[in-house]
Protein backbone atom coordinates (compact mmCIF):
# COMPACT_ATOMS: atom_id res chain seq x y z
CA MET A 1 114.29 119.68 98.07
CA ASN A 2 113.50 116.15 96.95
CA THR A 3 111.03 114.64 99.44
CA ILE A 4 110.78 111.16 97.90
CA ARG A 5 112.14 108.76 100.51
CA TRP A 6 110.98 105.40 99.10
CA THR A 7 109.41 104.05 95.93
CA TYR A 8 106.92 101.24 95.37
CA ALA A 9 105.87 99.48 92.20
CA PHE A 10 102.20 98.55 92.13
CA VAL A 11 101.21 95.62 89.92
CA ASP A 12 97.51 95.94 89.08
CA ARG A 13 95.63 92.81 88.02
CA PRO A 14 91.93 91.87 87.63
CA LEU A 15 90.39 91.11 91.00
CA GLY A 16 88.98 87.87 89.63
CA ARG A 17 92.53 86.66 88.94
CA PHE A 18 94.14 88.18 92.03
CA ALA A 19 95.08 84.80 93.54
CA GLU A 20 96.97 83.86 90.37
CA ALA A 21 98.73 87.21 90.41
CA HIS A 22 99.98 87.10 93.99
CA ALA A 23 100.97 83.42 93.75
CA PHE A 24 103.15 84.22 90.73
CA TRP A 25 104.72 87.43 92.01
CA THR A 26 105.55 86.05 95.44
CA ALA A 27 107.32 83.12 93.74
CA VAL A 28 109.19 85.43 91.36
CA THR A 29 110.38 87.79 94.08
CA GLY A 30 110.89 85.29 96.90
CA ALA A 31 108.52 87.29 99.10
CA ARG A 32 105.57 86.44 101.33
CA LEU A 33 102.19 88.12 101.50
CA SER A 34 101.12 90.68 104.06
CA GLY A 35 97.53 90.73 105.24
CA PHE A 36 94.99 91.80 102.65
CA ARG A 37 93.53 95.30 102.87
CA GLY A 38 90.66 97.30 101.41
CA GLU A 39 86.91 96.88 101.23
CA LEU A 40 87.31 94.10 98.67
CA GLN A 41 90.58 92.79 100.11
CA GLU A 42 92.14 94.19 96.96
CA PHE A 43 95.51 95.37 98.31
CA VAL A 44 98.45 93.28 99.45
CA THR A 45 102.15 93.96 100.02
CA LEU A 46 104.91 91.53 99.10
CA LEU A 47 107.25 91.21 102.08
CA PRO A 48 110.89 90.24 101.46
CA ASP A 49 112.97 88.62 104.17
CA GLY A 50 115.43 90.96 105.87
CA ALA A 51 114.50 94.04 103.84
CA ASP A 52 111.74 96.57 103.31
CA PRO A 53 109.03 95.95 100.69
CA CYS A 54 108.88 97.84 97.41
CA LEU A 55 106.19 95.86 95.57
CA LYS A 56 102.45 95.87 96.15
CA LEU A 57 99.59 94.23 94.25
CA GLN A 58 96.15 95.66 93.63
CA GLY A 59 93.08 93.85 92.37
CA VAL A 60 91.13 96.04 89.93
CA LEU A 61 87.50 95.67 88.89
CA ASP A 62 87.82 97.19 85.41
CA GLY A 63 90.22 96.33 82.62
CA ALA A 64 93.25 94.07 82.43
CA GLY A 65 95.31 96.09 84.90
CA GLY A 66 98.89 97.28 84.46
CA ALA A 67 101.19 99.03 86.90
CA HIS A 68 101.66 102.33 88.66
CA LEU A 69 104.13 104.12 90.90
CA ASP A 70 103.67 104.87 94.59
CA PHE A 71 105.92 107.50 96.19
CA SER A 72 106.58 107.61 99.94
CA VAL A 73 107.42 111.12 101.11
CA GLU A 74 108.01 113.07 104.30
CA ASP A 75 105.36 115.69 103.53
CA VAL A 76 102.36 114.43 101.55
CA ARG A 77 100.71 117.86 101.32
CA ALA A 78 103.85 119.49 99.96
CA PHE A 79 104.27 116.73 97.39
CA LEU A 80 100.63 117.10 96.34
CA ALA A 81 101.15 120.83 95.87
CA LEU A 82 104.27 120.18 93.80
CA ALA A 83 102.54 117.58 91.62
CA THR A 84 99.43 119.65 90.95
CA GLY A 85 101.56 122.71 90.33
CA LEU A 86 103.32 120.74 87.60
CA GLY A 87 99.99 119.82 85.99
CA ALA A 88 98.90 116.61 87.76
CA ALA A 89 95.26 116.10 88.70
CA THR A 90 94.13 114.75 92.07
CA ALA A 91 91.86 111.74 91.57
CA ALA A 92 91.31 110.97 95.27
CA ASP A 93 92.63 112.69 98.40
CA HIS A 94 92.56 110.60 101.59
CA GLY A 95 94.58 113.00 103.72
CA ASP A 96 97.71 110.98 104.43
CA TRP A 97 97.71 109.48 100.93
CA ALA A 98 96.33 110.40 97.53
CA VAL A 99 95.80 109.13 94.01
CA LEU A 100 96.85 111.42 91.16
CA ARG A 101 97.14 111.43 87.39
CA SER A 102 100.02 112.91 85.46
CA PRO A 103 99.24 115.49 82.73
CA GLY A 104 99.34 112.63 80.21
CA GLY A 105 96.96 110.43 82.21
CA GLN A 106 99.29 108.07 84.09
CA PRO A 107 97.94 107.20 87.56
CA PHE A 108 100.29 107.31 90.54
CA CYS A 109 100.02 107.49 94.32
CA VAL A 110 101.71 109.32 97.15
CA GLY A 111 101.75 108.37 100.82
CA ALA A 112 103.62 109.02 104.03
CA TRP A 113 107.10 107.55 104.37
CA ARG A 114 107.20 104.97 107.16
CA GLY A 115 110.93 104.52 107.54
CA GLU A 116 111.61 102.10 104.67
CA ALA A 117 115.32 102.06 103.92
CA VAL A 118 116.59 98.58 102.93
CA ARG A 119 115.85 97.50 99.36
CA PRO A 120 114.96 93.87 98.67
CA PRO A 121 117.73 91.58 97.43
CA VAL A 122 118.32 90.09 94.01
CA VAL A 123 116.40 86.78 93.79
CA GLU A 124 117.50 84.03 91.42
CA GLY A 125 119.46 86.53 89.33
CA SER A 126 116.68 89.10 88.90
CA ARG A 127 115.10 92.05 90.66
CA LEU A 128 111.91 94.01 89.98
CA ASP A 129 113.35 97.51 89.96
CA GLN A 130 111.52 99.58 87.34
CA VAL A 131 108.11 100.78 86.22
CA CYS A 132 107.92 101.54 82.51
CA LEU A 133 105.43 104.24 81.53
CA ASP A 134 104.15 103.69 77.98
CA VAL A 135 103.46 107.17 76.61
CA PRO A 136 101.70 108.25 73.39
CA PRO A 137 103.97 110.36 71.15
CA SER A 138 101.77 113.47 71.36
CA VAL A 139 102.41 113.86 75.10
CA TYR A 140 105.84 112.24 75.41
CA ASP A 141 107.85 115.46 75.77
CA ALA A 142 105.40 116.88 78.31
CA GLU A 143 105.39 113.62 80.30
CA THR A 144 109.17 113.34 80.43
CA ALA A 145 109.38 116.94 81.62
CA PHE A 146 106.69 116.33 84.27
CA TRP A 147 108.25 113.20 85.76
CA ALA A 148 111.75 114.70 85.73
CA ALA A 149 110.53 117.81 87.55
CA LEU A 150 108.39 115.82 90.01
CA THR A 151 111.18 113.47 91.06
CA GLY A 152 114.29 115.59 90.53
CA TRP A 153 116.08 112.36 89.60
CA GLU A 154 119.05 111.93 87.28
CA SER A 155 118.37 111.15 83.63
CA PRO A 156 121.34 109.30 82.10
CA ALA A 157 121.45 108.49 78.40
CA ALA A 158 119.11 105.63 77.48
CA SER A 159 119.92 102.76 75.16
CA ARG A 160 117.46 103.87 72.46
CA PRO A 161 115.94 107.24 71.43
CA GLU A 162 112.39 106.19 72.37
CA PHE A 163 113.40 105.69 76.01
CA ARG A 164 114.06 108.11 78.85
CA VAL A 165 115.39 106.79 82.16
CA LEU A 166 114.84 108.52 85.49
CA ARG A 167 117.27 107.05 88.00
CA PRO A 168 116.60 107.65 91.71
CA PRO A 169 119.25 108.31 94.35
CA ALA A 170 121.16 105.28 95.60
CA GLY A 171 119.07 103.10 97.88
CA LEU A 172 115.66 103.78 96.39
CA PRO A 173 114.37 100.52 94.92
CA VAL A 174 112.22 101.48 91.91
CA ARG A 175 113.21 103.70 89.02
CA ILE A 176 111.18 105.05 86.07
CA LEU A 177 111.49 104.34 82.36
CA LEU A 178 109.41 106.36 79.91
CA GLN A 179 108.81 104.69 76.56
CA ARG A 180 107.50 106.62 73.58
CA LEU A 181 104.85 104.53 71.84
CA ASP A 182 104.68 104.26 68.06
CA ASP A 183 101.03 105.32 67.87
CA GLU A 184 98.37 107.29 69.70
CA ARG A 185 96.66 105.10 72.28
CA ALA A 186 95.80 105.26 75.94
CA PRO A 187 98.79 105.53 78.28
CA SER A 188 99.68 102.42 80.23
CA ALA A 189 102.47 101.05 82.40
CA HIS A 190 104.15 97.75 83.22
CA PRO A 191 106.81 96.46 85.62
CA ASP A 192 110.32 95.55 84.49
CA LEU A 193 112.81 93.16 86.04
CA ALA A 194 116.58 93.54 85.69
CA CYS A 195 118.03 90.14 84.82
CA ALA A 196 121.59 88.85 84.88
CA ASP A 197 120.51 86.19 82.36
CA ILE A 198 117.23 86.83 80.53
CA GLY A 199 117.06 83.27 79.20
CA ALA A 200 117.42 81.69 82.61
CA THR A 201 114.89 84.06 84.18
CA ARG A 202 112.46 83.51 81.31
CA ALA A 203 112.66 79.74 81.76
CA ARG A 204 112.03 80.08 85.50
CA HIS A 205 109.02 82.34 84.91
CA GLU A 206 107.62 79.95 82.31
CA ARG A 207 107.80 77.16 84.85
CA LEU A 208 105.73 79.39 87.14
CA GLY A 209 103.08 79.88 84.44
CA ALA A 210 104.21 82.95 82.47
CA THR A 211 104.36 83.02 78.67
CA VAL A 212 106.52 84.89 76.15
CA VAL A 213 104.77 87.68 74.20
CA GLY A 214 107.69 89.11 72.21
CA ARG A 215 111.39 89.98 72.16
CA GLY A 216 113.42 93.16 71.70
CA PRO A 217 117.14 93.95 71.53
CA HIS A 218 117.65 93.95 75.33
CA TRP A 219 114.34 92.66 76.65
CA THR A 220 111.70 89.93 76.52
CA VAL A 221 108.01 90.75 76.92
CA MET A 222 106.14 88.30 79.16
CA ARG A 223 102.56 87.70 80.27
CA ASP A 224 101.98 86.51 83.82
CA PRO A 225 99.34 83.91 84.80
CA ALA A 226 96.86 86.69 85.64
CA GLY A 227 97.09 88.07 82.09
CA GLY A 228 99.29 91.11 82.76
CA VAL A 229 102.32 92.12 80.70
CA TYR A 230 105.78 92.77 82.11
CA CYS A 231 109.34 92.77 80.76
CA LEU A 232 112.57 90.95 81.51
CA THR A 233 115.40 93.33 80.69
CA GLY A 234 119.11 92.63 80.24
CA ARG A 235 120.33 94.97 82.96
CA ASP A 236 122.54 94.47 86.00
CA PRO A 237 120.18 93.51 88.87
CA GLY A 238 122.51 95.23 91.32
CA THR A 239 122.86 98.61 89.60
CA GLY A 240 119.98 98.63 87.14
CA GLY A 241 122.33 99.64 84.33
CA LEU A 242 122.96 98.00 80.99
CA PRO A 243 126.09 95.85 80.66
CA THR A 244 129.18 97.85 79.76
CA ALA A 245 130.65 95.12 77.60
């Protein structure tokens, strides 16, 4: 039985640039900040109006940051048993929540579901709805098998052979994209936004301080004011799917 009841995307940015990060992402998503949490005030949730949150920010002390997934479940202990049985390692167990790493080294979290049910709306033609896991080729097959088994989600055909999509049941706000890297390097992750018009969204983000890093067939790679990479993708913000025509 699938116990995942809600999904969060975590955007991780250097703690020294945390103010730049949350100023940008609140503007992009039309959200407001919760109170800060943690010993270093390093956690904050982005609160949308009239809906439940699905995006959190974390200030990190080491590295440039990235992104990770956070699953809300009915039974944390059962989910932990499932994940470790599939090959995940527990990095920190706090009882009602835990930090884990996938067999390929991707960090993710699990916590107790607190009744979240209403996904945030599309804002200015875009919606943050995906975490892309960037996976080295040597562990790509094992990682896709792990995440598919862990979530039990559907895996429709992707637009390109180096991608694998894991689409959650209707109503869950964040889906997973696995991308096979061209070379062997450390695994990483980044958030993706579905955009009705990539050009218009890019221009808006540039006005908010982001810069263009590169372009692909259906996406534009951006860097936010805190130095982190994310993508604008040409997908329907309502459904998450690619255009049919």
